[in-house]
Amino acid sequence: MAKGNVVVGQSGGPTAVINCSLAGVIETVSASSAMDRVYGMRYAVEGLMEDRLVDLSDKPADFLEKLKRTPSSALGSSRHKIQDPDLPKILKILKKHEIRYFFLIGGNDTMDTIHRVEKYCRQQGYELFGVGIPKTVDNDLFGTDHTPGFPSAARCNILNVLQAGVLARDMQRVDRYVIYQSVGRDAGWLSAAAAAARRDEGEAPHLIYLPEVAFDRERFLADVDSCISRYGWVSIVCGEGLQYGDGTPVSTSETTDKFGNIEFGAMAGTSVALNLHRMIMDRFDFRGEFQITESLIMSAMDRSVDLDRQEAYECGRRAVLLAAEGSSGVMVTIARRSNAPYRVDFQTVALSEVAEKSKPMPREYINPEGNFVTEEFLEYIRPLVGEVPDYATL
């Protein structure tokens, strides 16, 4: 193995804890005899191709501790999908800075980027060790029990739905329903997490609709009618990627991003929550409201989970140790051993198994009616999100 420098980047959507993984890389590189300088990519691979690197070596301990408590992506992010002509440009920069270790912190598309860069360098006879560090609030990354960033975003959703539910319950003589839309393009993990807000049957949320289950308008309206008849109001959580049985987005969006993924929310000019709001209003003539947080839950450091920060840091640290031992073409994964007490192992999965794949929620985590989660899912989510507040009820 050739001794060389390191480059690390952050790609895709940010999280409250992604900088913990970055700190894990920086601190572990400084203690490695196989690695020299560590450089950060400004704006991921786009910045790498522009030779926009920042030297992260010799950062003082107090700075790194502050970095661990900083939300969003400190290096700046990108959603650039690399093309074949990009690969020679990347290799040129790697050679220029004598970089032999390549780390990216990200999700499905990011793992595809590492996989392609690592494979291309190997084909060109350039020794490069590429290891992926998992990150995504969506929790849809294949091969890992959960992703760093998901627990904190899930907790943020839980608190949002819990507190909005208290408000909606008390204001039910004014607004009969509240709809909360969460990010989650292909998977409903984040929307489902809101179920942990509910302690008793009548509390929020009452209904949860996920991309994994085909949406049925009439069944939805019947669910709403049933809840309002029983409780006097209804709290609804929906995933942004909700679809009808024929694959048509409930958001009616036709806007796509650079990866061909459908855009939801403000970018698309419409949303699932808005359309559900219209359905209820048109059928029942009730007044209600909808809430769309978009990216806010990705950077809510004040609601981050200690466990999440620790695991994010450990994933960054493990990636460096793996590369130093000669591992390449893999992503660090979290494998759960038990729920109570909560225990995990850190393992690896081949990048070729992860790249551009997604992990939907298992059907056994969703109730037979398709409008809430099962106890099995609650057992999965509770150890990740911390204690949920218990508010007084009169």
Protein backbone atom coordinates (compact mmCIF):
# COMPACT_ATOMS: atom_id res chain seq x y z
CA MET A 1 0.00 0.00 0.00
CA ALA A 2 1.27 3.42 -0.97
CA LYS A 3 1.26 6.07 1.74
CA GLY A 4 -0.70 9.09 0.61
CA ASN A 5 -3.14 11.87 1.31
CA VAL A 6 -6.85 11.72 2.02
CA VAL A 7 -9.84 13.49 0.53
CA VAL A 8 -13.30 13.57 2.08
CA GLY A 9 -16.57 15.11 0.92
CA GLN A 10 -20.21 15.45 1.92
CA SER A 11 -22.82 14.82 -0.74
CA GLY A 12 -26.59 15.03 -1.11
CA GLY A 13 -28.93 16.38 1.53
CA PRO A 14 -27.40 17.40 4.87
CA THR A 15 -28.22 16.06 8.32
CA ALA A 16 -27.83 17.35 11.85
CA VAL A 17 -24.96 14.90 12.44
CA ILE A 18 -23.09 14.64 9.13
CA ASN A 19 -20.28 16.81 10.50
CA CYS A 20 -19.74 14.24 13.26
CA SER A 21 -18.74 11.77 10.54
CA LEU A 22 -16.43 14.39 9.06
CA ALA A 23 -14.83 14.94 12.47
CA GLY A 24 -14.42 11.17 12.82
CA VAL A 25 -12.48 11.09 9.55
CA ILE A 26 -10.25 14.05 10.41
CA GLU A 27 -9.35 12.83 13.90
CA THR A 28 -8.67 9.26 12.79
CA VAL A 29 -6.51 10.31 9.84
CA SER A 30 -4.34 12.38 12.18
CA ALA A 31 -3.57 9.23 14.17
CA SER A 32 -2.89 7.01 11.14
CA SER A 33 0.62 6.10 10.06
CA ALA A 34 -0.66 5.18 6.58
CA MET A 35 -2.03 8.65 5.79
CA ASP A 36 -0.55 12.13 5.52
CA ARG A 37 -2.71 15.21 4.87
CA VAL A 38 -6.50 15.21 4.82
CA TYR A 39 -8.29 17.47 2.35
CA GLY A 40 -11.97 18.37 2.19
CA MET A 41 -13.89 18.73 -1.06
CA ARG A 42 -15.75 22.01 -1.32
CA TYR A 43 -19.19 21.06 -2.68
CA ALA A 44 -18.39 17.36 -3.08
CA VAL A 45 -17.25 16.02 -6.46
CA GLU A 46 -18.08 19.27 -8.21
CA GLY A 47 -15.54 21.05 -6.05
CA LEU A 48 -13.09 18.18 -6.42
CA MET A 49 -13.12 18.53 -10.20
CA GLU A 50 -12.58 22.28 -9.80
CA ASP A 51 -9.62 21.59 -7.48
CA ARG A 52 -11.41 23.34 -4.63
CA LEU A 53 -9.85 21.51 -1.73
CA VAL A 54 -9.37 22.76 1.82
CA ASP A 55 -6.64 21.36 4.08
CA LEU A 56 -8.29 19.90 7.18
CA SER A 57 -5.07 18.64 8.74
CA ASP A 58 -3.89 19.93 12.11
CA LYS A 59 -7.30 21.25 13.16
CA PRO A 60 -7.29 21.92 16.92
CA ALA A 61 -9.38 19.79 19.25
CA ASP A 62 -11.71 22.64 20.21
CA PHE A 63 -12.55 23.24 16.54
CA LEU A 64 -13.38 19.56 16.00
CA GLU A 65 -15.61 19.52 19.08
CA LYS A 66 -17.44 22.56 17.70
CA LEU A 67 -17.70 20.83 14.30
CA LYS A 68 -19.48 17.89 15.95
CA ARG A 69 -22.18 20.29 17.16
CA THR A 70 -22.59 22.10 13.83
CA PRO A 71 -25.59 21.17 11.63
CA SER A 72 -25.73 20.88 7.85
CA SER A 73 -22.70 20.11 5.63
CA ALA A 74 -19.66 22.14 6.71
CA LEU A 75 -17.84 21.45 3.44
CA GLY A 76 -20.86 22.25 1.29
CA SER A 77 -22.77 19.66 -0.68
CA SER A 78 -23.73 18.79 -4.24
CA ARG A 79 -26.17 16.58 -6.12
CA HIS A 80 -23.98 16.32 -9.20
CA LYS A 81 -24.29 12.96 -10.95
CA ILE A 82 -20.87 12.11 -12.35
CA GLN A 83 -20.60 11.22 -16.01
CA ASP A 84 -17.89 9.24 -17.80
CA PRO A 85 -16.05 12.43 -18.93
CA ASP A 86 -15.78 13.48 -15.25
CA LEU A 87 -13.69 10.48 -14.26
CA PRO A 88 -10.40 11.52 -15.96
CA LYS A 89 -10.76 14.98 -14.37
CA ILE A 90 -11.17 13.42 -10.95
CA LEU A 91 -8.16 11.14 -11.43
CA LYS A 92 -6.03 14.11 -12.50
CA ILE A 93 -6.85 15.95 -9.25
CA LEU A 94 -6.22 12.84 -7.17
CA LYS A 95 -2.79 12.43 -8.74
CA LYS A 96 -1.96 16.11 -8.36
CA HIS A 97 -2.51 16.00 -4.61
CA GLU A 98 -1.17 12.45 -4.15
CA ILE A 99 -4.50 11.29 -2.81
CA ARG A 100 -4.76 7.57 -2.14
CA TYR A 101 -7.77 7.53 0.19
CA PHE A 102 -11.21 8.67 -0.94
CA PHE A 103 -14.19 9.10 1.40
CA LEU A 104 -17.66 10.42 0.71
CA ILE A 105 -20.41 10.82 3.29
CA GLY A 106 -23.80 10.35 1.68
CA GLY A 107 -26.65 8.17 0.50
CA ASN A 108 -27.52 5.94 -2.45
CA ASP A 109 -26.31 8.18 -5.27
CA THR A 110 -23.18 9.11 -3.31
CA MET A 111 -22.24 5.46 -2.95
CA ASP A 112 -22.58 5.11 -6.70
CA THR A 113 -20.11 7.99 -7.10
CA ILE A 114 -17.51 6.34 -4.85
CA HIS A 115 -18.04 3.02 -6.59
CA ARG A 116 -17.46 4.52 -10.04
CA VAL A 117 -14.41 6.57 -9.00
CA GLU A 118 -12.79 3.68 -7.16
CA LYS A 119 -13.43 1.30 -10.07
CA TYR A 120 -12.12 3.76 -12.67
CA CYS A 121 -8.91 4.41 -10.75
CA ARG A 122 -8.32 0.69 -10.41
CA GLN A 123 -8.82 0.24 -14.16
CA GLN A 124 -6.29 3.00 -14.80
CA GLY A 125 -3.72 1.37 -12.53
CA TYR A 126 -3.96 4.05 -9.85
CA GLU A 127 -4.08 2.69 -6.31
CA LEU A 128 -7.03 4.31 -4.52
CA PHE A 129 -8.90 3.11 -1.47
CA GLY A 130 -12.52 4.26 -1.53
CA VAL A 131 -14.85 3.76 1.42
CA GLY A 132 -18.39 5.07 1.81
CA ILE A 133 -19.73 6.62 5.01
CA PRO A 134 -23.52 6.28 5.29
CA LYS A 135 -25.80 9.29 5.66
CA THR A 136 -29.40 10.05 4.86
CA VAL A 137 -32.35 11.29 6.86
CA ASP A 138 -34.62 9.15 4.66
CA ASN A 139 -33.13 5.91 6.10
CA ASP A 140 -33.52 4.28 2.69
CA LEU A 141 -29.86 3.27 2.28
CA PHE A 142 -29.52 -0.42 1.47
CA GLY A 143 -27.40 -2.71 3.64
CA THR A 144 -27.59 -0.95 7.02
CA ASP A 145 -30.06 -1.14 9.92
CA HIS A 146 -30.34 2.65 9.87
CA THR A 147 -28.33 5.60 8.69
CA PRO A 148 -26.68 8.35 10.72
CA GLY A 149 -28.91 11.40 10.44
CA PHE A 150 -32.14 9.42 10.47
CA PRO A 151 -32.60 9.21 14.27
CA SER A 152 -32.24 12.97 14.72
CA ALA A 153 -34.55 13.79 11.80
CA ALA A 154 -37.02 11.19 13.08
CA ARG A 155 -36.99 12.79 16.52
CA CYS A 156 -37.60 16.18 14.93
CA ASN A 157 -40.64 14.78 13.13
CA ILE A 158 -41.88 13.18 16.33
CA LEU A 159 -41.68 16.43 18.26
CA ASN A 160 -43.28 18.38 15.40
CA VAL A 161 -46.23 16.01 15.15
CA LEU A 162 -46.56 15.69 18.92
CA GLN A 163 -46.67 19.44 19.57
CA ALA A 164 -48.77 20.23 16.49
CA GLY A 165 -51.14 17.52 17.67
CA VAL A 166 -51.56 19.14 21.08
CA LEU A 167 -52.37 22.40 19.31
CA ALA A 168 -54.77 20.75 16.86
CA ARG A 169 -56.57 18.87 19.64
CA ASP A 170 -57.17 22.09 21.56
CA MET A 171 -58.19 23.99 18.42
CA GLN A 172 -60.53 21.34 17.00
CA ARG A 173 -63.55 23.66 17.19
CA VAL A 174 -61.69 25.85 14.64
CA ASP A 175 -59.62 23.39 12.58
CA ARG A 176 -60.83 19.80 12.35
CA TYR A 177 -57.68 18.35 10.83
CA VAL A 178 -53.94 18.87 10.51
CA ILE A 179 -51.74 17.26 7.85
CA TYR A 180 -47.98 16.95 8.33
CA GLN A 181 -45.83 16.12 5.30
CA SER A 182 -42.36 14.65 5.74
CA VAL A 183 -39.50 14.21 3.31
CA GLY A 184 -38.89 10.67 2.10
CA ARG A 185 -38.96 10.25 -1.66
CA ASP A 186 -39.12 6.48 -1.95
CA ALA A 187 -39.49 5.27 1.62
CA GLY A 188 -41.71 6.11 4.56
CA TRP A 189 -39.30 5.68 7.47
CA LEU A 190 -39.42 9.34 8.52
CA SER A 191 -43.17 9.63 8.23
CA ALA A 192 -43.62 6.37 10.13
CA ALA A 193 -41.35 7.60 12.94
CA ALA A 194 -44.03 10.13 13.91
CA ALA A 195 -46.01 7.22 15.35
CA ALA A 196 -43.69 7.32 18.38
CA ALA A 197 -45.36 10.62 19.35
CA ARG A 198 -48.59 8.81 20.25
CA ARG A 199 -49.00 7.38 23.75
CA ASP A 200 -52.78 6.90 23.75
CA GLU A 201 -55.22 6.08 20.95
CA GLY A 202 -56.74 9.54 20.72
CA GLU A 203 -53.42 11.38 20.47
CA ALA A 204 -51.59 12.49 17.33
CA PRO A 205 -50.94 11.05 14.87
CA HIS A 206 -54.09 9.11 14.04
CA LEU A 207 -53.26 8.24 10.43
CA ILE A 208 -49.96 7.72 8.60
CA TYR A 209 -49.69 7.20 4.83
CA LEU A 210 -46.45 5.92 3.32
CA PRO A 211 -44.99 5.57 -0.20
CA GLU A 212 -44.79 1.79 0.30
CA VAL A 213 -48.60 1.48 0.25
CA ALA A 214 -50.66 2.56 -2.75
CA PHE A 215 -52.89 5.50 -1.86
CA ASP A 216 -56.64 5.10 -2.23
CA ARG A 217 -58.58 8.37 -2.12
CA GLU A 218 -61.90 6.94 -0.98
CA ARG A 219 -60.30 4.80 1.71
CA PHE A 220 -58.39 7.84 2.93
CA LEU A 221 -61.54 9.95 3.19
CA ALA A 222 -63.30 7.12 5.05
CA ASP A 223 -60.37 6.99 7.51
CA VAL A 224 -60.61 10.74 8.04
CA ASP A 225 -64.36 10.59 8.58
CA SER A 226 -63.95 7.77 11.11
CA CYS A 227 -61.32 9.63 13.14
CA ILE A 228 -63.27 12.88 13.23
CA SER A 229 -66.38 11.01 14.31
CA ARG A 230 -64.45 9.31 17.10
CA TYR A 231 -62.11 12.07 18.32
CA GLY A 232 -63.59 15.29 16.93
CA TRP A 233 -60.42 15.97 14.92
CA VAL A 234 -57.71 14.09 13.05
CA SER A 235 -53.92 14.27 12.78
CA ILE A 236 -52.52 12.93 9.50
CA VAL A 237 -48.89 12.28 8.55
CA CYS A 238 -47.94 11.65 4.93
CA GLY A 239 -44.76 10.92 3.02
CA GLU A 240 -43.87 13.22 0.14
CA GLY A 241 -43.52 10.25 -2.21
CA LEU A 242 -47.06 8.95 -1.75
CA GLN A 243 -48.43 7.38 -4.94
CA TYR A 244 -51.66 6.01 -6.34
CA GLY A 245 -51.84 2.37 -7.38
CA ASP A 246 -50.86 3.21 -10.97
CA GLY A 247 -47.69 5.00 -9.83
CA THR A 248 -49.01 8.54 -10.24
CA PRO A 249 -47.69 10.82 -7.46
CA VAL A 250 -50.39 12.11 -5.15
CA SER A 251 -48.50 15.41 -5.31
CA THR A 252 -49.18 15.42 -9.10
CA SER A 253 -45.57 16.53 -9.54
CA GLU A 254 -43.84 16.04 -12.88
CA THR A 255 -40.64 17.90 -11.94
CA THR A 256 -37.46 15.78 -11.75
CA ASP A 257 -33.93 16.38 -10.45
CA LYS A 258 -30.57 15.58 -12.10
CA PHE A 259 -30.85 11.94 -11.06
CA GLY A 260 -34.32 11.56 -12.60
CA ASN A 261 -36.01 11.54 -9.19
CA ILE A 262 -39.38 13.26 -8.83
CA GLU A 263 -39.20 16.57 -6.94
CA PHE A 264 -41.75 17.15 -4.21
CA GLY A 265 -42.86 20.10 -2.11
CA ALA A 266 -41.97 23.66 -3.02
CA MET A 267 -39.64 22.69 -5.86
CA ALA A 268 -42.49 20.95 -7.63
CA GLY A 269 -45.02 23.70 -7.04
CA THR A 270 -47.42 21.26 -5.39
CA SER A 271 -47.41 18.73 -2.56
CA VAL A 272 -49.10 15.66 -1.13
CA ALA A 273 -50.21 17.61 1.96
CA LEU A 274 -51.88 20.31 -0.11
CA ASN A 275 -53.74 17.78 -2.22
CA LEU A 276 -54.90 15.80 0.82
CA HIS A 277 -56.04 19.09 2.34
CA ARG A 278 -58.12 19.81 -0.76
CA MET A 279 -59.65 16.32 -0.72
CA ILE A 280 -60.87 16.73 2.86
CA MET A 281 -62.10 20.27 2.31
CA ASP A 282 -63.95 19.33 -0.88
CA ARG A 283 -65.64 16.27 0.68
CA PHE A 284 -66.47 17.52 4.19
CA ASP A 285 -66.17 21.31 3.95
CA PHE A 286 -64.03 21.26 7.10
CA ARG A 287 -61.45 23.87 7.90
CA GLY A 288 -57.93 22.52 8.55
CA GLU A 289 -54.26 23.13 7.90
CA PHE A 290 -51.21 21.46 6.43
CA GLN A 291 -47.55 21.68 7.45
CA ILE A 292 -44.50 21.00 5.26
CA THR A 293 -41.09 21.21 6.92
CA GLU A 294 -39.03 20.38 3.82
CA SER A 295 -35.31 20.48 4.75
CA LEU A 296 -35.70 21.95 8.25
CA ILE A 297 -35.54 18.53 9.88
CA MET A 298 -32.17 17.94 8.20
CA SER A 299 -30.39 20.59 10.24
CA ALA A 300 -32.20 20.71 13.58
CA MET A 301 -29.12 20.32 15.79
CA ASP A 302 -31.13 21.40 18.84
CA ARG A 303 -33.21 18.23 18.38
CA SER A 304 -30.37 15.88 17.51
CA VAL A 305 -29.93 12.59 19.37
CA ASP A 306 -26.75 11.77 21.33
CA LEU A 307 -26.80 8.24 19.95
CA ASP A 308 -27.00 9.59 16.41
CA ARG A 309 -23.99 11.86 16.88
CA GLN A 310 -21.97 9.02 18.37
CA GLU A 311 -22.81 6.58 15.58
CA ALA A 312 -22.13 9.18 12.88
CA TYR A 313 -18.69 9.82 14.36
CA GLU A 314 -17.97 6.11 14.63
CA CYS A 315 -18.89 5.53 10.97
CA GLY A 316 -16.36 8.17 9.94
CA ARG A 317 -13.72 6.66 12.20
CA ARG A 318 -14.36 3.12 10.97
CA ALA A 319 -14.11 4.17 7.34
CA VAL A 320 -10.58 5.48 7.89
CA LEU A 321 -9.51 2.38 9.81
CA LEU A 322 -10.87 0.14 7.06
CA ALA A 323 -9.05 2.04 4.31
CA ALA A 324 -5.81 2.03 6.32
CA GLU A 325 -6.07 -1.78 6.48
CA GLY A 326 -6.48 -1.97 2.70
CA SER A 327 -10.26 -2.26 2.42
CA SER A 328 -11.85 -0.55 -0.58
CA GLY A 329 -15.12 -0.56 -2.50
CA VAL A 330 -17.19 -0.89 0.68
CA MET A 331 -19.51 1.18 2.85
CA VAL A 332 -19.59 1.16 6.63
CA THR A 333 -22.86 -0.27 7.97
CA ILE A 334 -24.67 -0.46 11.30
CA ALA A 335 -25.97 -3.92 12.24
CA ARG A 336 -28.38 -4.06 15.18
CA ARG A 337 -27.84 -6.88 17.66
CA SER A 338 -30.64 -6.11 20.11
CA ASN A 339 -33.28 -3.52 21.03
CA ALA A 340 -33.23 -3.79 24.82
CA PRO A 341 -30.51 -3.13 25.62
CA TYR A 342 -29.76 -1.38 22.33
CA ARG A 343 -26.58 -2.83 20.82
CA VAL A 344 -25.04 -2.64 17.35
CA ASP A 345 -21.99 -3.81 15.43
CA PHE A 346 -20.25 -1.84 12.68
CA GLN A 347 -19.77 -3.91 9.55
CA THR A 348 -19.38 -3.37 5.79
CA VAL A 349 -21.28 -3.95 2.58
CA ALA A 350 -19.95 -3.79 -1.00
CA LEU A 351 -20.60 -0.48 -2.75
CA SER A 352 -21.90 -2.44 -5.73
CA GLU A 353 -24.69 -3.71 -3.47
CA VAL A 354 -25.61 -0.23 -2.26
CA ALA A 355 -25.20 2.08 -5.25
CA GLU A 356 -28.47 3.59 -6.48
CA LYS A 357 -30.58 1.10 -4.52
CA SER A 358 -33.16 1.99 -1.90
CA LYS A 359 -34.54 0.28 1.18
CA PRO A 360 -38.29 0.63 1.64
CA MET A 361 -40.00 -0.12 4.92
CA PRO A 362 -40.79 -3.84 5.33
CA ARG A 363 -44.48 -4.59 5.00
CA GLU A 364 -44.54 -6.07 8.50
CA TYR A 365 -43.79 -2.58 9.84
CA ILE A 366 -47.07 -1.29 8.34
CA ASN A 367 -50.53 -2.24 9.61
CA PRO A 368 -52.86 -4.28 7.36
CA GLU A 369 -55.01 -1.20 6.64
CA GLY A 370 -51.97 0.69 5.35
CA ASN A 371 -52.71 3.74 7.48
CA PHE A 372 -50.39 3.30 10.48
CA VAL A 373 -47.43 1.28 11.74
CA THR A 374 -47.16 -1.92 13.75
CA GLU A 375 -45.74 -2.52 17.21
CA GLU A 376 -42.75 -4.17 15.52
CA PHE A 377 -41.84 -0.85 13.91
CA LEU A 378 -42.24 0.99 17.20
CA GLU A 379 -39.80 -1.46 18.80
CA TYR A 380 -37.39 -0.64 15.98
CA ILE A 381 -37.66 3.16 16.23
CA ARG A 382 -37.86 3.78 19.99
CA PRO A 383 -34.21 3.03 20.85
CA LEU A 384 -33.07 5.47 18.16
CA VAL A 385 -35.01 8.61 19.00
CA GLY A 386 -34.68 9.08 22.75
CA GLU A 387 -37.35 9.87 25.31
CA VAL A 388 -40.50 11.55 24.02
CA PRO A 389 -42.08 14.31 26.16
CA ASP A 390 -45.23 13.51 28.10
CA TYR A 391 -47.54 16.54 28.18
CA ALA A 392 -50.42 17.14 30.56
CA THR A 393 -53.97 16.45 29.35
CA LEU A 394 -57.12 17.84 30.95
